[in-house]
N, C-alpha and C. Protein backbone atom coordinates (compact mmCIF):
# COMPACT_ATOMS: atom_id res chain seq x y z
N MET A 1 12.33 194.39 102.86
CA MET A 1 13.66 195.75 102.14
C MET A 1 13.71 196.56 103.62
N ARG A 2 15.24 196.63 103.76
CA ARG A 2 15.37 197.49 104.84
C ARG A 2 16.25 198.84 104.22
N THR A 3 15.55 199.43 104.48
CA THR A 3 15.81 201.13 104.32
C THR A 3 16.63 201.47 105.09
N LYS A 4 17.13 202.96 105.09
CA LYS A 4 18.05 203.87 105.79
C LYS A 4 17.14 204.57 106.87
N GLN A 5 17.52 204.53 107.57
CA GLN A 5 16.94 206.24 108.77
C GLN A 5 16.93 206.75 108.13
N GLN A 6 16.03 207.77 108.31
CA GLN A 6 15.66 209.11 107.63
C GLN A 6 14.82 209.92 108.52
N VAL A 7 15.33 210.98 108.53
CA VAL A 7 15.60 212.11 109.18
C VAL A 7 14.43 213.21 108.87
N ARG A 8 13.29 213.81 108.96
CA ARG A 8 12.93 214.92 107.86
C ARG A 8 12.43 216.14 109.16
N VAL A 9 12.15 217.75 108.14
CA VAL A 9 12.04 218.44 109.15
C VAL A 9 11.36 219.42 108.13
N ASN A 10 10.13 219.36 108.35
CA ASN A 10 9.40 220.05 107.08
C ASN A 10 8.37 221.70 107.77
N PRO A 11 9.09 222.84 107.60
CA PRO A 11 8.68 224.06 107.76
C PRO A 11 7.74 224.56 107.32
N ARG A 12 6.43 225.27 107.67
CA ARG A 12 5.31 225.80 106.32
C ARG A 12 5.04 226.95 106.85
N GLY A 13 4.34 227.65 106.04
CA GLY A 13 3.78 228.86 106.44
C GLY A 13 2.45 229.22 105.79
N ARG A 14 1.61 230.49 105.79
CA ARG A 14 0.97 231.13 104.78
C ARG A 14 0.10 232.18 105.36
N CYS A 15 -0.39 232.73 104.66
CA CYS A 15 -1.26 234.01 105.86
C CYS A 15 -2.09 234.30 104.31
N HIS A 16 -3.38 234.32 104.94
CA HIS A 16 -4.88 234.64 104.38
C HIS A 16 -5.32 236.20 105.01
N GLN A 17 -5.81 236.56 103.76
CA GLN A 17 -6.36 237.93 104.11
C GLN A 17 -8.20 238.15 103.22
N GLN A 18 -9.14 238.40 103.73
CA GLN A 18 -10.06 238.60 103.76
C GLN A 18 -10.81 239.52 103.53
N SER A 19 -12.09 240.25 102.20
CA SER A 19 -12.88 241.58 103.36
C SER A 19 -14.03 240.96 103.54
N GLY A 20 -14.62 239.73 103.19
CA GLY A 20 -15.71 239.57 103.68
C GLY A 20 -15.69 238.28 104.41
N ARG A 21 -14.65 237.27 104.94
CA ARG A 21 -15.26 236.48 105.37
C ARG A 21 -15.84 235.15 104.90
N TYR A 22 -16.00 235.57 103.01
CA TYR A 22 -16.51 234.41 102.87
C TYR A 22 -16.10 232.95 103.00
N LEU A 23 -14.80 233.18 102.97
CA LEU A 23 -14.26 231.26 102.83
C LEU A 23 -13.86 231.26 104.40
N VAL A 24 -13.86 232.06 105.27
CA VAL A 24 -13.39 231.44 106.93
C VAL A 24 -14.80 230.58 107.34
N LEU A 25 -14.05 229.59 108.08
CA LEU A 25 -15.16 228.54 108.15
C LEU A 25 -15.76 228.71 109.81
N LEU A 26 -17.61 229.03 109.73
CA LEU A 26 -17.42 229.39 111.35
C LEU A 26 -17.92 228.93 112.52
N PRO A 27 -16.84 228.96 113.28
CA PRO A 27 -16.73 228.85 114.53
C PRO A 27 -17.89 227.72 115.07
N PRO A 28 -18.31 226.70 115.49
CA PRO A 28 -19.31 226.23 116.14
C PRO A 28 -20.03 226.59 117.13
N ILE A 29 -20.38 227.67 117.66
CA ILE A 29 -20.64 227.93 118.88
C ILE A 29 -21.60 227.93 119.04
N ASN A 30 -22.01 227.28 120.47
CA ASN A 30 -23.77 227.06 120.37
C ASN A 30 -23.97 225.79 119.55
N GLY A 31 -23.03 225.24 118.61
CA GLY A 31 -23.79 224.29 117.83
C GLY A 31 -23.71 225.04 116.41
N ALA A 32 -23.46 226.30 116.25
CA ALA A 32 -23.73 226.82 115.10
C ALA A 32 -23.13 226.16 113.78
N THR A 33 -24.15 226.67 112.25
CA THR A 33 -23.33 226.15 111.42
C THR A 33 -23.65 227.13 110.60
N ALA A 34 -23.05 226.54 109.34
CA ALA A 34 -22.69 228.10 107.93
C ALA A 34 -24.18 228.22 107.79
N ILE A 35 -25.43 227.47 108.06
CA ILE A 35 -26.53 227.90 107.99
C ILE A 35 -27.20 228.69 108.85
N THR A 36 -27.40 228.15 109.93
CA THR A 36 -27.28 228.75 111.10
C THR A 36 -26.96 230.11 111.96
N GLY A 37 -25.68 229.72 110.91
CA GLY A 37 -24.89 231.85 112.18
C GLY A 37 -25.13 231.62 113.15
N THR A 38 -23.89 232.42 113.91
CA THR A 38 -24.65 232.99 115.52
C THR A 38 -24.05 234.52 115.36
N PRO A 39 -24.41 234.85 116.51
CA PRO A 39 -24.45 236.57 116.74
C PRO A 39 -23.29 236.60 117.37
N TYR A 40 -22.31 235.56 117.59
CA TYR A 40 -20.71 236.23 118.63
C TYR A 40 -19.83 236.13 117.33
N PHE A 41 -20.12 235.84 116.37
CA PHE A 41 -18.83 235.41 114.89
C PHE A 41 -19.94 235.98 113.25
N THR A 42 -19.97 237.29 113.34
CA THR A 42 -20.28 237.48 111.91
C THR A 42 -20.43 237.24 111.09
N GLU A 43 -20.56 236.94 109.71
CA GLU A 43 -20.15 236.68 108.18
C GLU A 43 -20.55 237.54 107.67
N ASN A 44 -20.66 238.79 107.53
CA ASN A 44 -21.29 239.60 106.92
C ASN A 44 -20.24 240.15 105.28
N PRO A 45 -20.78 240.96 104.27
CA PRO A 45 -19.68 241.04 103.55
C PRO A 45 -19.05 242.58 103.89
N GLY A 46 -17.90 242.40 103.90
CA GLY A 46 -17.10 243.97 104.73
C GLY A 46 -16.54 243.55 105.72
N ASP A 47 -16.58 242.13 106.80
CA ASP A 47 -16.35 242.09 107.75
C ASP A 47 -14.84 241.50 107.60
N PRO A 48 -13.92 242.20 108.30
CA PRO A 48 -12.53 241.94 107.92
C PRO A 48 -11.54 240.32 108.21
N PHE A 49 -11.29 239.81 107.89
CA PHE A 49 -10.89 239.17 108.47
C PHE A 49 -8.91 238.36 107.93
N LYS A 50 -7.67 238.55 108.85
CA LYS A 50 -6.64 238.62 108.47
C LYS A 50 -6.15 237.39 109.55
N GLY A 51 -5.43 236.04 108.82
CA GLY A 51 -4.90 235.14 109.45
C GLY A 51 -3.51 234.71 109.13
N LEU A 52 -3.13 233.83 110.05
CA LEU A 52 -1.75 233.24 109.53
C LEU A 52 -1.44 231.89 110.20
N ASP A 53 -0.65 231.30 109.65
CA ASP A 53 -0.46 229.94 110.49
C ASP A 53 1.30 229.17 110.11
N GLY A 54 1.76 228.91 111.03
CA GLY A 54 2.94 228.36 110.67
C GLY A 54 3.10 226.54 111.11
N SER A 55 4.40 226.40 110.64
CA SER A 55 4.24 224.73 111.38
C SER A 55 5.39 224.40 111.41
N ILE A 56 6.28 223.82 111.84
CA ILE A 56 6.82 222.98 111.90
C ILE A 56 6.96 221.63 112.05
N THR A 57 7.00 220.81 111.34
CA THR A 57 7.10 219.24 111.32
C THR A 57 8.74 218.05 111.87
N PHE A 58 9.00 217.75 113.01
CA PHE A 58 9.93 216.87 112.40
C PHE A 58 9.77 215.18 112.76
N ASP A 59 10.11 214.80 111.56
CA ASP A 59 9.97 213.45 111.19
C ASP A 59 10.72 212.33 111.91
N TYR A 60 10.72 211.13 111.89
CA TYR A 60 12.05 210.23 112.26
C TYR A 60 11.40 209.19 111.82
N MET A 61 12.15 208.60 110.76
CA MET A 61 11.79 206.76 110.22
C MET A 61 12.68 205.88 110.61
N PRO A 62 12.92 205.33 111.44
CA PRO A 62 13.83 204.31 111.61
C PRO A 62 13.72 203.05 110.52
N SER A 63 12.50 202.80 109.90
CA SER A 63 11.74 201.60 109.11
C SER A 63 10.81 202.29 107.98
N GLN A 64 10.80 201.69 107.05
CA GLN A 64 9.83 202.14 105.84
C GLN A 64 8.28 201.78 106.39
N TYR A 65 7.95 201.43 107.64
CA TYR A 65 7.23 200.74 108.21
C TYR A 65 6.50 201.45 109.55
N ILE A 66 7.14 202.07 109.88
CA ILE A 66 7.02 203.63 110.93
C ILE A 66 7.73 204.72 110.87
N THR A 67 6.75 205.45 111.58
CA THR A 67 7.26 207.12 111.61
C THR A 67 6.71 207.62 112.96
N PHE A 68 8.07 208.36 113.70
CA PHE A 68 7.55 209.38 114.88
C PHE A 68 7.86 210.50 114.31
N ARG A 69 6.63 211.43 114.94
CA ARG A 69 6.18 212.74 114.01
C ARG A 69 6.29 213.82 115.15
N MET A 70 6.62 214.87 115.26
CA MET A 70 6.38 215.49 116.23
C MET A 70 5.82 217.19 115.51
N GLU A 71 4.59 217.93 116.25
CA GLU A 71 4.56 218.71 115.29
C GLU A 71 4.13 220.15 115.89
N TYR A 72 4.57 221.50 115.84
CA TYR A 72 4.25 222.50 116.48
C TYR A 72 3.86 223.32 115.35
N ASN A 73 2.63 223.82 115.89
CA ASN A 73 1.63 224.91 114.65
C ASN A 73 1.28 226.00 115.79
N HIS A 74 1.02 227.29 114.64
CA HIS A 74 1.05 228.55 115.46
C HIS A 74 0.12 228.82 114.56
N ARG A 75 -1.36 229.51 115.16
CA ARG A 75 -1.99 230.51 114.37
C ARG A 75 -2.44 231.84 114.72
N ALA A 76 -3.17 232.67 113.96
CA ALA A 76 -3.08 233.73 114.39
C ALA A 76 -4.29 234.23 113.28
N SER A 77 -5.02 235.66 114.37
CA SER A 77 -6.25 236.24 113.15
C SER A 77 -6.27 237.51 114.29
N ASN A 78 -6.75 238.51 113.20
CA ASN A 78 -6.69 240.14 113.83
C ASN A 78 -8.23 240.11 114.70
N VAL A 79 -8.85 239.27 114.06
CA VAL A 79 -10.26 239.15 115.48
C VAL A 79 -9.96 237.36 115.96
N PRO A 80 -11.06 238.10 117.17
CA PRO A 80 -10.85 236.89 118.07
C PRO A 80 -11.42 235.24 117.32
N TYR A 81 -10.85 234.51 116.94
CA TYR A 81 -11.46 233.22 115.57
C TYR A 81 -11.11 231.71 116.66
N TRP A 82 -10.23 231.30 116.97
CA TRP A 82 -9.72 230.41 117.84
C TRP A 82 -10.30 230.00 119.10
N SER A 83 -10.86 228.45 119.81
CA SER A 83 -11.28 228.52 120.52
C SER A 83 -9.86 228.75 121.91
N GLY A 84 -10.65 229.34 122.79
CA GLY A 84 -9.89 229.37 123.84
C GLY A 84 -10.22 228.51 125.09
N LYS A 85 -9.86 228.50 126.18
CA LYS A 85 -9.44 227.36 127.50
C LYS A 85 -10.81 227.32 128.15
N GLY A 86 -12.16 228.02 127.60
CA GLY A 86 -13.43 228.24 127.88
C GLY A 86 -13.99 227.86 126.90
N GLY A 87 -13.83 227.58 125.52
CA GLY A 87 -14.72 227.06 124.70
C GLY A 87 -15.45 227.10 124.22
N VAL A 88 -16.49 226.57 123.00
CA VAL A 88 -17.27 227.83 122.53
C VAL A 88 -18.66 226.82 122.88
N THR A 89 -18.59 226.01 123.69
CA THR A 89 -19.93 225.13 124.05
C THR A 89 -20.41 225.88 125.39
N PRO A 90 -22.08 226.54 125.96
CA PRO A 90 -22.33 227.15 127.14
C PRO A 90 -21.94 225.94 128.38
N PRO A 91 -22.31 226.10 129.22
CA PRO A 91 -22.38 225.16 130.55
C PRO A 91 -23.49 224.25 129.91
N GLY A 92 -23.15 223.09 130.45
CA GLY A 92 -24.28 222.09 130.31
C GLY A 92 -24.75 222.07 128.46
N GLY A 93 -24.18 222.35 128.06
CA GLY A 93 -24.30 222.03 126.49
C GLY A 93 -25.00 223.25 125.54
N ASN A 94 -25.22 222.79 124.17
CA ASN A 94 -25.14 223.26 123.30
C ASN A 94 -27.06 223.90 124.04
N THR A 95 -27.73 225.24 123.94
CA THR A 95 -28.66 225.91 124.34
C THR A 95 -29.24 226.40 123.18
N GLY A 96 -30.83 225.97 123.82
CA GLY A 96 -31.84 227.16 122.50
C GLY A 96 -31.37 226.60 120.99
N PRO A 97 -31.88 227.02 120.21
CA PRO A 97 -31.97 226.80 118.27
C PRO A 97 -30.20 227.01 118.04
N LEU A 98 -29.64 226.22 117.45
CA LEU A 98 -28.44 225.84 116.81
C LEU A 98 -28.05 227.20 116.58
N GLY A 99 -26.67 228.34 117.62
CA GLY A 99 -25.83 229.36 117.40
C GLY A 99 -26.48 230.28 118.20
N SER A 100 -27.67 230.06 118.59
CA SER A 100 -28.69 231.28 119.03
C SER A 100 -27.63 231.55 120.36
N PHE A 101 -28.18 232.87 120.74
CA PHE A 101 -27.72 233.79 121.69
C PHE A 101 -28.04 233.42 123.20
N VAL A 102 -26.80 233.05 124.07
CA VAL A 102 -27.26 232.59 125.04
C VAL A 102 -26.89 233.56 126.29
N PRO A 103 -27.98 233.77 127.54
CA PRO A 103 -27.59 235.28 128.15
C PRO A 103 -26.92 235.08 129.12
N GLY A 104 -26.06 235.92 129.58
CA GLY A 104 -24.67 235.71 131.04
C GLY A 104 -23.88 235.05 129.71
N TRP A 105 -24.22 233.98 128.66
CA TRP A 105 -22.46 233.49 128.25
C TRP A 105 -21.89 233.89 127.39
N ALA A 106 -20.78 234.12 127.07
CA ALA A 106 -19.95 234.37 126.14
C ALA A 106 -18.99 233.15 125.59
N PRO A 107 -18.81 232.67 124.46
CA PRO A 107 -17.72 232.18 123.46
C PRO A 107 -16.07 232.54 124.24
N ASP A 108 -15.30 232.02 124.69
CA ASP A 108 -14.23 232.41 124.78
C ASP A 108 -13.25 232.09 123.09
N LEU A 109 -13.34 233.19 122.82
CA LEU A 109 -12.33 233.18 121.41
C LEU A 109 -11.59 233.99 121.90
N VAL A 110 -10.36 233.12 120.91
CA VAL A 110 -9.03 234.37 121.33
C VAL A 110 -7.98 234.25 119.82
N LYS A 111 -7.07 235.16 119.40
CA LYS A 111 -6.69 235.74 118.60
C LYS A 111 -5.53 234.82 118.13
N GLN A 112 -5.22 233.60 118.67
CA GLN A 112 -3.62 233.04 118.86
C GLN A 112 -4.26 231.44 119.16
N GLU A 113 -3.45 230.60 118.40
CA GLU A 113 -3.99 229.30 118.94
C GLU A 113 -2.37 228.89 118.76
N ARG A 114 -1.89 228.10 119.91
CA ARG A 114 -0.30 227.16 119.85
C ARG A 114 -0.72 225.54 119.86
N ARG A 115 -0.15 224.92 119.33
CA ARG A 115 -0.68 223.52 119.28
C ARG A 115 0.44 222.60 119.40
N TYR A 116 0.35 221.39 119.67
CA TYR A 116 2.10 220.17 120.07
C TYR A 116 1.37 218.98 119.95
N THR A 117 2.01 218.65 118.92
CA THR A 117 0.66 217.03 118.42
C THR A 117 2.20 216.21 118.55
N ILE A 118 2.19 215.20 119.20
CA ILE A 118 3.62 213.86 119.13
C ILE A 118 2.31 212.74 118.50
N ALA A 119 2.94 211.91 117.33
CA ALA A 119 2.23 210.71 116.79
C ALA A 119 2.90 210.17 116.32
N ILE A 120 2.54 208.66 116.11
CA ILE A 120 3.16 208.00 115.75
C ILE A 120 2.81 207.09 114.48
N LEU A 121 3.06 206.66 113.66
CA LEU A 121 2.36 206.02 112.36
C LEU A 121 2.79 204.80 112.01
N VAL A 122 2.39 203.87 112.25
CA VAL A 122 2.57 202.06 111.61
C VAL A 122 1.53 202.14 110.38
N LYS A 123 2.61 201.53 109.40
CA LYS A 123 1.93 200.91 108.36
C LYS A 123 2.25 199.48 108.26
N PHE A 124 1.01 198.64 108.09
CA PHE A 124 0.53 197.25 108.12
C PHE A 124 0.99 196.76 106.77
């Protein structure tokens, strides 16, 4: 079955505010998990977190079996949360117990993240 060519643009956005970070996922700093925690990013009651994100997606569907997609994503928060260029893993890999303090090293957390994605979706 032949379909018309189709173009779609989808803008999205949302904001988020919490007084306790209880719904904020813990960054995996030095292998940290929700159980181990980490001294680099606390999740104490009363620790504020405000975040927002927005994206715009462009889809081009020349047939019902293939989609070309381009997307721009922007995320921001009031505290350093997103992984920067230096990452969240110490040099040489995770060191000591998961999420533990590593002397002389700190994760590269930033307040903003911008991401561009290009994808081809094929249906068989």
